[in-house]
Structures are given as C-alpha cells and as structure tokens.
Amino acid sequence: NPDKFVAEVLLLRENFQEIVDQSFNGDKHFQRALKEAFEYFINLDTRAAQFLSLYSDTLLRKNSLKMQDSEIMQKLDDIIIIFKFLKDKEFLKTTTNSI
C-alpha cells in the first residue's frame, strides 16, 4: 500500500529527527548518520521507488481536486523528503513515465 508506506516512512523519519534534534542538539554528525541510515533502508527494496511513484501519481491525479493547495504542497514536500533518500532516481522517472 503506497499510502501506508509513505506515511510510515515519514512518521519514522519525524520520530528519529526529533530524537536527533532534542537529544543531540541537531549535531551534524548525528544528522548525517540519520540521513545515511534512511538512505540505506529505503534502498534495500526497489519497491520504495515504485510506492513513491504510485503515491505521487494518486496524489496528483485523483486527490488534488479534493484537497486544499496547502495540503497538496505539504504532501509534495513529504514526497521530496523521501525522494532525496533514493539512490536509483532513474527507476522512479521510468516508472512515472509508464503510468
């Protein structure tokens, strides 16, 4: 389920980001470690790129008429957060073009 995947990844990142910010005062070494950890686990499975692509497609095609502009912009910002962790961005472009 792409919606659940994106929501869970964002929640997990938010929780760990809060820990780094509060416990380590946003130390750059801990920030980098968090980024590297997310890059590692997001790229363990190629379905992550596929789920992000499907989530984006659903958001822009179906849900955009039902949502406020601010909600859409927040969701797009969320997509970008996850997209930055992906190493194989070409897969995502190919997947999006085929939909």
C-alpha atoms as a PDB file:
ATOM      1  CA  ASN A   1       0.000   0.000   0.000  1.00  0.00           C
ATOM      2  CA  PRO A   2       1.857   3.130  -1.208  1.00  0.00           C
ATOM      3  CA  ASP A   3      -0.100   5.498   1.070  1.00  0.00           C
ATOM      4  CA  LYS A   4       0.747   3.492   4.166  1.00  0.00           C
ATOM      5  CA  PHE A   5       4.381   3.122   3.111  1.00  0.00           C
ATOM      6  CA  VAL A   6       4.863   6.868   2.629  1.00  0.00           C
ATOM      7  CA  ALA A   7       3.034   7.706   5.854  1.00  0.00           C
ATOM      8  CA  GLU A   8       5.062   5.193   7.890  1.00  0.00           C
ATOM      9  CA  VAL A   9       8.406   6.310   6.452  1.00  0.00           C
ATOM     10  CA  LEU A  10       7.576   9.946   7.157  1.00  0.00           C
ATOM     11  CA  LEU A  11       6.459   9.147  10.697  1.00  0.00           C
ATOM     12  CA  LEU A  12       9.610   7.118  11.340  1.00  0.00           C
ATOM     13  CA  ARG A  13      11.805   9.907   9.994  1.00  0.00           C
ATOM     14  CA  GLU A  14       9.949  12.511  12.035  1.00  0.00           C
ATOM     15  CA  ASN A  15      10.396  10.468  15.229  1.00  0.00           C
ATOM     16  CA  PHE A  16      14.117   9.943  14.684  1.00  0.00           C
ATOM     17  CA  GLN A  17      14.621  13.547  13.590  1.00  0.00           C
ATOM     18  CA  GLU A  18      13.024  14.678  16.839  1.00  0.00           C
ATOM     19  CA  ILE A  19      15.391  12.446  18.812  1.00  0.00           C
ATOM     20  CA  VAL A  20      18.423  13.855  16.977  1.00  0.00           C
ATOM     21  CA  ASP A  21      17.208  17.429  17.448  1.00  0.00           C
ATOM     22  CA  GLN A  22      16.324  17.126  21.127  1.00  0.00           C
ATOM     23  CA  SER A  23      18.895  14.664  22.412  1.00  0.00           C
ATOM     24  CA  PHE A  24      21.866  15.692  20.298  1.00  0.00           C
ATOM     25  CA  ASN A  25      21.011  19.355  19.625  1.00  0.00           C
ATOM     26  CA  GLY A  26      20.860  18.657  15.890  1.00  0.00           C
ATOM     27  CA  ASP A  27      24.558  17.729  15.795  1.00  0.00           C
ATOM     28  CA  LYS A  28      25.702  17.454  12.161  1.00  0.00           C
ATOM     29  CA  HIS A  29      27.285  14.026  12.729  1.00  0.00           C
ATOM     30  CA  PHE A  30      24.016  12.618  14.020  1.00  0.00           C
ATOM     31  CA  GLN A  31      22.126  14.342  11.200  1.00  0.00           C
ATOM     32  CA  ARG A  32      24.416  12.667   8.672  1.00  0.00           C
ATOM     33  CA  ALA A  33      24.073   9.295  10.393  1.00  0.00           C
ATOM     34  CA  LEU A  34      20.287   9.600  10.294  1.00  0.00           C
ATOM     35  CA  LYS A  35      20.371  10.512   6.602  1.00  0.00           C
ATOM     36  CA  GLU A  36      22.664   7.587   5.785  1.00  0.00           C
ATOM     37  CA  ALA A  37      20.507   5.173   7.775  1.00  0.00           C
ATOM     38  CA  PHE A  38      17.377   6.223   5.886  1.00  0.00           C
ATOM     39  CA  GLU A  39      19.185   6.027   2.556  1.00  0.00           C
ATOM     40  CA  TYR A  40      20.290   2.508   3.432  1.00  0.00           C
ATOM     41  CA  PHE A  41      16.926   1.113   4.447  1.00  0.00           C
ATOM     42  CA  ILE A  42      14.907   2.921   1.742  1.00  0.00           C
ATOM     43  CA  ASN A  43      17.166   1.457  -0.928  1.00  0.00           C
ATOM     44  CA  LEU A  44      17.019  -2.118   0.391  1.00  0.00           C
ATOM     45  CA  ASP A  45      13.910  -2.746  -1.697  1.00  0.00           C
ATOM     46  CA  THR A  46      13.191  -1.310  -5.153  1.00  0.00           C
ATOM     47  CA  ARG A  47       9.518  -1.167  -4.277  1.00  0.00           C
ATOM     48  CA  ALA A  48      10.240   2.005  -2.307  1.00  0.00           C
ATOM     49  CA  ALA A  49      10.681   3.932  -5.559  1.00  0.00           C
ATOM     50  CA  GLN A  50       7.611   2.256  -7.031  1.00  0.00           C
ATOM     51  CA  PHE A  51       5.492   3.085  -3.972  1.00  0.00           C
ATOM     52  CA  LEU A  52       6.653   6.696  -4.039  1.00  0.00           C
ATOM     53  CA  SER A  53       5.790   6.898  -7.717  1.00  0.00           C
ATOM     54  CA  LEU A  54       2.323   5.424  -7.183  1.00  0.00           C
ATOM     55  CA  TYR A  55       1.685   7.689  -4.198  1.00  0.00           C
ATOM     56  CA  SER A  56       2.688  10.749  -6.243  1.00  0.00           C
ATOM     57  CA  ASP A  57       0.535   9.707  -9.162  1.00  0.00           C
ATOM     58  CA  THR A  58      -2.514   9.144  -6.961  1.00  0.00           C
ATOM     59  CA  LEU A  59      -1.973  12.436  -5.176  1.00  0.00           C
ATOM     60  CA  LEU A  60      -1.698  14.485  -8.340  1.00  0.00           C
ATOM     61  CA  ARG A  61      -4.344  12.747 -10.447  1.00  0.00           C
ATOM     62  CA  LYS A  62      -7.092  11.809  -8.029  1.00  0.00           C
ATOM     63  CA  ASN A  63      -6.692  13.597  -4.726  1.00  0.00           C
ATOM     64  CA  SER A  64      -5.671  17.036  -5.972  1.00  0.00           C
ATOM     65  CA  LEU A  65      -9.282  18.001  -6.694  1.00  0.00           C
ATOM     66  CA  LYS A  66     -10.350  17.101  -3.160  1.00  0.00           C
ATOM     67  CA  MET A  67      -7.539  18.857  -1.281  1.00  0.00           C
ATOM     68  CA  GLN A  68      -6.570  22.424  -0.478  1.00  0.00           C
ATOM     69  CA  ASP A  69      -3.450  23.810  -2.164  1.00  0.00           C
ATOM     70  CA  SER A  70      -1.613  23.927   1.167  1.00  0.00           C
ATOM     71  CA  GLU A  71      -2.337  20.229   1.762  1.00  0.00           C
ATOM     72  CA  ILE A  72      -1.064  19.310  -1.694  1.00  0.00           C
ATOM     73  CA  MET A  73       2.096  21.348  -1.176  1.00  0.00           C
ATOM     74  CA  GLN A  74       2.730  19.634   2.173  1.00  0.00           C
ATOM     75  CA  LYS A  75       2.298  16.202   0.577  1.00  0.00           C
ATOM     76  CA  LEU A  76       4.679  17.167  -2.242  1.00  0.00           C
ATOM     77  CA  ASP A  77       7.224  18.318   0.338  1.00  0.00           C
ATOM     78  CA  ASP A  78       6.835  14.913   2.017  1.00  0.00           C
ATOM     79  CA  ILE A  79       7.478  13.186  -1.309  1.00  0.00           C
ATOM     80  CA  ILE A  80      10.652  15.203  -1.786  1.00  0.00           C
ATOM     81  CA  ILE A  81      11.902  14.187   1.668  1.00  0.00           C
ATOM     82  CA  ILE A  82      11.677  10.516   0.717  1.00  0.00           C
ATOM     83  CA  PHE A  83      12.872  11.101  -2.850  1.00  0.00           C
ATOM     84  CA  LYS A  84      16.151  12.536  -1.525  1.00  0.00           C
ATOM     85  CA  PHE A  85      16.899   9.183   0.113  1.00  0.00           C
ATOM     86  CA  LEU A  86      16.510   7.194  -3.124  1.00  0.00           C
ATOM     87  CA  LYS A  87      19.691   6.292  -4.947  1.00  0.00           C
ATOM     88  CA  ASP A  88      18.065   4.961  -8.132  1.00  0.00           C
ATOM     89  CA  LYS A  89      16.144   8.045  -9.212  1.00  0.00           C
ATOM     90  CA  GLU A  90      16.146   6.872 -12.837  1.00  0.00           C
ATOM     91  CA  PHE A  91      13.870   3.975 -11.842  1.00  0.00           C
ATOM     92  CA  LEU A  92      11.383   6.447 -10.432  1.00  0.00           C
ATOM     93  CA  LYS A  93      11.425   8.536 -13.633  1.00  0.00           C
ATOM     94  CA  THR A  94      10.881   5.434 -15.757  1.00  0.00           C
ATOM     95  CA  THR A  95       8.067   4.198 -13.522  1.00  0.00           C
ATOM     96  CA  THR A  96       6.325   7.578 -13.507  1.00  0.00           C
ATOM     97  CA  ASN A  97       6.504   7.876 -17.293  1.00  0.00           C
ATOM     98  CA  SER A  98       4.956   4.440 -17.792  1.00  0.00           C
ATOM     99  CA  ILE A  99       1.938   5.165 -15.595  1.00  0.00           C
END
